[in-house]
C-alpha cells in the first residue's frame, strides 16, 4: 500500500505524518519551528525519510500565501523570517529525489475533511484554522479555491474586522487574525493581566468573570467572521480546525449563541474531525494517488 509523508508547517511547530491510501496515520511527530525554516525543514524530512524509506512522495501544507503550481511560498508574515519567496517544491525535490506538492495549510485541512472527515459528499465548504494565526480554506463545487496571482486566495485572517484596530504582523490594522487566533487569545489574556494559557482560559471561564469576558469577546468576533464568510460563499458547512479548536467543547455553545444573532441563514458549524491531524492528512492528500 502506498505511503506518503504529510508535513504541516504552522507558525510555531511542524508536524510530520506517514499516511497510507486509507488515510491511516502510520507514524507521527511534531517539532518546534525554527529560523531559518527551510534548512531545518529539509534536515528533518531527510531524517524521517532515512528511517521510512518506503515513502513515495511528500505533501506540504504551510502558513502564508502559496503558489501551488510552482510549490512556492509567495509571502509569509513575520511569524518566521525568511520563508517568503521560498521555492519549497524545487528545493525539497532536489534534496530528496521525491515528488513534492505544496499548498496553504488551511486548504489542506479542507482536503482532509472533504475526503475523510466532516465535509464528505459536500460541495461548498469553508474551513477556518485557528492556530498561531487565522487561516482559511474553501472547497467550491468540490475543488480547492487556492492560489491567485499573489497566492493569497482565502486568506481570511487578513480581512479587516476592526478598522484602525490592533496592528497585524502584515503591517495593517484590525485584521481578523488579530482577534480570532491563538495569538489573539494570548494578547487578550495579557491585556487583562491574567497569568494563564488559552486552554486554561476556556477552562476557567465558568468561574472567572475576567476569563469569561475574554471568551465572550473571542466568540463574538469569530461569529462576525463566519457571518461575513457566509454572505460571500453561502457554504453548506463551516469547519473549524487548528490548535484552538481542541478546546472547542468549552466555547462552542457560546459561539452558537452569537451566531444566532448574525447569520443570514442557518449554517452547520463543525469542529475538524481530525483536529490537529487534519493538516498532515490534507498535505498527504496532495500526493496520494487516487
Protein backbone atom coordinates (compact mmCIF):
# COMPACT_ATOMS: atom_id res chain seq x y z
CA UNK A 1 0.00 0.00 0.00
CA UNK A 2 1.30 3.43 -0.97
CA UNK A 3 2.78 5.61 1.77
CA UNK A 4 3.48 9.33 1.64
CA UNK A 5 4.80 11.96 4.02
CA UNK A 6 2.47 14.77 5.04
CA UNK A 7 4.06 17.91 6.51
CA UNK A 8 2.06 20.63 8.29
CA UNK A 9 4.04 23.85 8.86
CA UNK A 10 2.47 26.27 11.32
CA UNK A 11 3.73 29.42 12.93
CA UNK A 12 5.16 27.66 15.97
CA UNK A 13 5.53 23.98 15.13
CA UNK A 14 5.97 21.50 12.28
CA UNK A 15 4.03 18.23 12.24
CA UNK A 16 5.03 15.17 10.19
CA UNK A 17 2.96 12.08 9.40
CA UNK A 18 3.36 8.95 7.29
CA UNK A 19 -0.05 8.29 5.69
CA UNK A 20 -1.35 5.39 3.59
CA UNK A 21 -4.07 5.41 0.91
CA UNK A 22 -6.75 4.61 3.50
CA UNK A 23 -5.95 7.81 5.36
CA UNK A 24 -4.34 5.95 8.26
CA UNK A 25 -1.59 7.76 10.13
CA UNK A 26 1.18 5.18 10.49
CA UNK A 27 3.75 7.47 12.10
CA UNK A 28 3.51 10.99 13.53
CA UNK A 29 5.74 13.50 15.27
CA UNK A 30 5.95 17.24 15.85
CA UNK A 31 8.84 19.61 16.41
CA UNK A 32 9.08 23.29 17.22
CA UNK A 33 9.63 25.52 14.19
CA UNK A 34 12.99 27.27 13.96
CA UNK A 35 14.71 30.03 11.98
CA UNK A 36 15.88 29.73 9.28
CA UNK A 37 12.96 27.49 8.42
CA UNK A 38 13.83 25.80 5.13
CA UNK A 39 17.18 24.19 6.11
CA UNK A 40 15.58 22.94 9.32
CA UNK A 41 12.64 21.51 7.37
CA UNK A 42 14.90 19.76 4.88
CA UNK A 43 17.09 18.32 7.64
CA UNK A 44 14.11 16.75 9.40
CA UNK A 45 12.45 15.49 6.22
CA UNK A 46 15.69 13.72 5.27
CA UNK A 47 15.93 12.26 8.78
CA UNK A 48 12.42 10.83 8.55
CA UNK A 49 12.92 9.50 5.01
CA UNK A 50 16.08 7.70 6.10
CA UNK A 51 14.01 5.75 8.62
CA UNK A 52 10.90 5.46 6.39
CA UNK A 53 12.38 4.52 3.02
CA UNK A 54 9.06 3.29 1.58
CA UNK A 55 7.69 6.85 1.37
CA UNK A 56 6.94 7.68 -2.27
CA UNK A 57 6.14 11.40 -2.18
CA UNK A 58 5.83 14.44 0.10
CA UNK A 59 2.92 16.82 0.57
CA UNK A 60 3.48 20.11 2.40
CA UNK A 61 0.87 22.42 3.89
CA UNK A 62 2.25 25.73 5.09
CA UNK A 63 1.08 29.02 6.53
CA UNK A 64 1.45 32.00 4.22
CA UNK A 65 0.48 32.88 0.64
CA UNK A 66 1.29 29.90 -1.59
CA UNK A 67 1.56 29.41 -5.36
CA UNK A 68 0.56 25.72 -5.59
CA UNK A 69 1.51 25.47 -9.27
CA UNK A 70 5.14 26.26 -8.54
CA UNK A 71 5.11 24.97 -4.98
CA UNK A 72 6.47 28.29 -3.76
CA UNK A 73 5.71 30.38 -0.68
CA UNK A 74 4.99 33.83 -2.11
CA UNK A 75 4.60 35.70 1.13
CA UNK A 76 4.76 34.79 4.78
CA UNK A 77 4.09 37.31 7.57
CA UNK A 78 6.84 37.77 10.09
CA UNK A 79 5.96 34.71 12.18
CA UNK A 80 9.09 33.03 10.83
CA UNK A 81 11.64 35.12 8.97
CA UNK A 82 12.98 34.14 5.57
CA UNK A 83 10.03 31.98 4.48
CA UNK A 84 8.70 34.39 1.85
CA UNK A 85 9.80 33.57 -1.73
CA UNK A 86 10.96 30.09 -0.76
CA UNK A 87 10.69 27.56 -3.66
CA UNK A 88 9.84 24.68 -1.34
CA UNK A 89 8.87 22.20 -4.07
CA UNK A 90 12.01 22.79 -6.14
CA UNK A 91 14.44 22.62 -3.24
CA UNK A 92 12.82 19.69 -1.46
CA UNK A 93 12.53 17.62 -4.64
CA UNK A 94 16.23 18.21 -5.34
CA UNK A 95 17.18 17.26 -1.78
CA UNK A 96 15.04 14.12 -1.51
CA UNK A 97 14.53 12.83 -5.03
CA UNK A 98 10.79 12.56 -4.20
CA UNK A 99 7.76 14.17 -5.81
CA UNK A 100 6.65 17.19 -3.73
CA UNK A 101 3.47 19.29 -3.72
CA UNK A 102 2.89 22.42 -1.63
CA UNK A 103 -0.35 24.16 -0.57
CA UNK A 104 -1.67 26.58 2.00
CA UNK A 105 -2.19 24.91 5.39
CA UNK A 106 -5.90 25.71 5.69
CA UNK A 107 -6.54 24.39 2.18
CA UNK A 108 -5.05 21.04 3.09
CA UNK A 109 -7.30 20.87 6.16
CA UNK A 110 -10.23 21.37 3.77
CA UNK A 111 -8.95 18.48 1.66
CA UNK A 112 -8.70 16.20 4.68
CA UNK A 113 -12.19 16.98 5.90
CA UNK A 114 -13.68 16.62 2.40
CA UNK A 115 -12.08 13.24 1.79
CA UNK A 116 -12.12 11.61 5.22
CA UNK A 117 -13.93 13.89 7.66
CA UNK A 118 -16.90 16.12 8.38
CA UNK A 119 -17.34 17.50 4.83
CA UNK A 120 -17.63 14.24 2.89
CA UNK A 121 -20.13 14.49 -0.01
CA UNK A 122 -20.46 18.27 0.40
CA UNK A 123 -19.69 20.68 -2.45
CA UNK A 124 -19.24 24.06 -0.80
CA UNK A 125 -17.33 24.17 2.45
CA UNK A 126 -15.32 26.86 4.22
CA UNK A 127 -12.59 25.94 6.71
CA UNK A 128 -11.12 28.22 9.37
CA UNK A 129 -7.92 27.18 11.12
CA UNK A 130 -7.45 28.86 14.49
CA UNK A 131 -3.79 28.44 15.32
CA UNK A 132 -0.95 30.93 15.69
CA UNK A 133 -2.87 32.93 13.10
CA UNK A 134 -6.24 32.60 11.35
CA UNK A 135 -6.15 30.58 8.13
CA UNK A 136 -8.85 29.88 5.57
CA UNK A 137 -9.65 27.22 3.02
CA UNK A 138 -12.54 26.89 0.56
CA UNK A 139 -13.96 23.95 -1.33
CA UNK A 140 -16.00 25.33 -4.21
CA UNK A 141 -18.05 22.77 -6.12
CA UNK A 142 -15.74 20.12 -4.71
CA UNK A 143 -12.50 21.79 -5.75
CA UNK A 144 -10.00 23.83 -3.76
CA UNK A 145 -10.15 27.58 -4.26
CA UNK A 146 -6.45 28.31 -3.99
CA UNK A 147 -3.53 30.23 -5.43
CA UNK A 148 -4.38 33.52 -7.12
CA UNK A 149 -1.86 35.90 -8.74
CA UNK A 150 -0.32 36.56 -5.33
CA UNK A 151 -1.07 33.20 -3.73
CA UNK A 152 -3.48 34.94 -1.38
CA UNK A 153 -6.85 33.29 -2.05
CA UNK A 154 -8.89 32.61 1.11
CA UNK A 155 -6.50 34.46 3.44
CA UNK A 156 -9.37 35.25 5.78
CA UNK A 157 -7.03 36.16 8.61
CA UNK A 158 -6.21 39.37 6.73
CA UNK A 159 -9.78 40.54 6.21
CA UNK A 160 -10.30 43.72 8.20
CA UNK A 161 -12.53 43.06 11.18
CA UNK A 162 -11.96 46.30 13.12
CA UNK A 163 -10.77 49.33 11.09
CA UNK A 164 -7.91 51.08 12.92
CA UNK A 165 -7.72 48.14 15.32
CA UNK A 166 -4.77 46.09 16.56
CA UNK A 167 -1.73 46.13 14.26
CA UNK A 168 -1.30 42.85 12.38
CA UNK A 169 2.01 41.20 11.55
CA UNK A 170 1.24 42.06 7.91
CA UNK A 171 1.53 45.75 8.89
CA UNK A 172 -2.15 46.65 8.52
CA UNK A 173 -4.63 47.47 11.29
CA UNK A 174 -7.54 45.39 12.53
CA UNK A 175 -7.06 42.12 10.64
CA UNK A 176 -9.31 39.24 11.70
CA UNK A 177 -6.37 37.11 12.73
CA UNK A 178 -5.50 39.62 15.44
CA UNK A 179 -8.83 38.90 17.13
CA UNK A 180 -9.57 35.28 16.23
CA UNK A 181 -6.48 33.07 16.75
CA UNK A 182 -4.24 31.61 19.42
CA UNK A 183 -2.05 34.73 19.23
CA UNK A 184 -5.13 36.91 19.68
CA UNK A 185 -6.14 34.98 22.78
CA UNK A 186 -2.66 35.40 24.25
CA UNK A 187 -2.86 39.15 23.63
CA UNK A 188 -6.29 39.41 25.26
CA UNK A 189 -5.08 37.40 28.27
CA UNK A 190 -2.03 39.65 28.69
CA UNK A 191 -4.11 42.83 28.39
CA UNK A 192 -6.45 41.50 31.09
CA UNK A 193 -3.50 40.95 33.43
CA UNK A 194 -4.10 37.21 33.70
CA UNK A 195 -1.34 34.59 34.02
CA UNK A 196 -2.95 31.64 32.22
CA UNK A 197 -2.69 29.85 28.90
CA UNK A 198 -5.51 29.84 26.29
CA UNK A 199 -6.57 26.27 27.23
CA UNK A 200 -6.71 27.34 30.90
CA UNK A 201 -8.69 30.42 29.86
CA UNK A 202 -11.50 28.32 28.41
CA UNK A 203 -11.48 26.01 31.42
CA UNK A 204 -11.70 28.96 33.85
CA UNK A 205 -14.44 30.85 32.01
CA UNK A 206 -17.27 29.27 34.01
CA UNK A 207 -15.79 30.53 37.30
CA UNK A 208 -13.66 33.59 36.48
CA UNK A 209 -15.55 36.65 35.14
CA UNK A 210 -12.37 38.03 33.55
CA UNK A 211 -11.79 34.79 31.64
CA UNK A 212 -15.46 34.64 30.67
CA UNK A 213 -15.30 38.17 29.24
CA UNK A 214 -12.33 37.24 27.02
CA UNK A 215 -14.08 34.09 25.77
CA UNK A 216 -17.23 36.08 25.02
CA UNK A 217 -15.23 38.64 23.04
CA UNK A 218 -13.45 35.86 21.16
CA UNK A 219 -16.67 34.04 20.19
CA UNK A 220 -18.37 37.32 19.25
CA UNK A 221 -15.55 38.14 16.84
CA UNK A 222 -15.45 34.60 15.45
CA UNK A 223 -19.21 34.76 14.82
CA UNK A 224 -18.75 38.01 12.87
CA UNK A 225 -16.04 36.43 10.72
CA UNK A 226 -18.27 33.42 9.99
CA UNK A 227 -21.25 35.64 9.18
CA UNK A 228 -19.21 37.66 6.69
CA UNK A 229 -17.96 34.47 5.03
CA UNK A 230 -21.50 33.14 4.74
CA UNK A 231 -22.51 36.32 2.94
CA UNK A 232 -19.74 35.67 0.40
CA UNK A 233 -19.85 31.89 -0.06
CA UNK A 234 -23.25 30.68 1.20
CA UNK A 235 -21.49 27.44 2.17
CA UNK A 236 -23.13 24.21 3.26
CA UNK A 237 -20.82 23.85 6.24
CA UNK A 238 -18.12 25.74 8.09
CA UNK A 239 -15.38 23.67 9.71
CA UNK A 240 -13.11 24.94 12.47
CA UNK A 241 -9.65 23.42 12.89
CA UNK A 242 -6.29 24.41 14.32
CA UNK A 243 -4.95 24.28 17.86
CA UNK A 244 -7.70 26.45 19.39
CA UNK A 245 -10.32 24.00 18.10
CA UNK A 246 -9.05 21.35 20.51
CA UNK A 247 -10.87 23.21 23.30
CA UNK A 248 -13.99 23.81 21.20
CA UNK A 249 -16.21 21.85 23.56
CA UNK A 250 -15.60 24.65 26.07
CA UNK A 251 -16.54 27.55 23.77
CA UNK A 252 -18.76 26.14 21.01
CA UNK A 253 -22.02 26.81 22.91
CA UNK A 254 -21.02 30.46 23.28
CA UNK A 255 -20.21 30.65 19.55
CA UNK A 256 -23.53 29.11 18.57
CA UNK A 257 -25.39 31.68 20.68
CA UNK A 258 -23.52 34.51 18.95
CA UNK A 259 -24.16 33.02 15.50
CA UNK A 260 -27.91 33.02 16.06
CA UNK A 261 -27.90 36.82 16.02
CA UNK A 262 -25.64 37.41 12.99
CA UNK A 263 -26.14 34.62 10.42
CA UNK A 264 -28.21 35.27 7.32
CA UNK A 265 -29.34 31.64 7.19
CA UNK A 266 -28.86 28.57 9.37
CA UNK A 267 -25.38 27.11 9.00
CA UNK A 268 -23.85 23.86 10.16
CA UNK A 269 -20.62 24.57 12.08
CA UNK A 270 -18.39 21.61 12.89
CA UNK A 271 -15.01 21.08 14.51
CA UNK A 272 -12.50 19.43 12.18
CA UNK A 273 -12.92 15.71 12.74
CA UNK A 274 -9.18 15.16 12.73
CA UNK A 275 -8.40 18.30 14.77
CA UNK A 276 -4.65 18.95 14.56
CA UNK A 277 -4.09 15.81 12.46
CA UNK A 278 -6.11 17.34 9.61
CA UNK A 279 -3.04 19.28 8.43
CA UNK A 280 -0.82 16.25 7.86
CA UNK A 281 -3.69 14.23 6.37
CA UNK A 282 -4.56 17.00 3.92
CA UNK A 283 -0.92 17.53 2.99
CA UNK A 284 -0.65 13.81 2.27
CA UNK A 285 -3.72 14.02 0.01
CA UNK A 286 -1.81 16.42 -2.24
CA UNK A 287 0.36 13.50 -3.38
CA UNK A 288 -1.71 10.36 -2.69
CA UNK A 289 -2.78 8.66 -5.90
CA UNK A 290 -6.49 8.06 -6.47
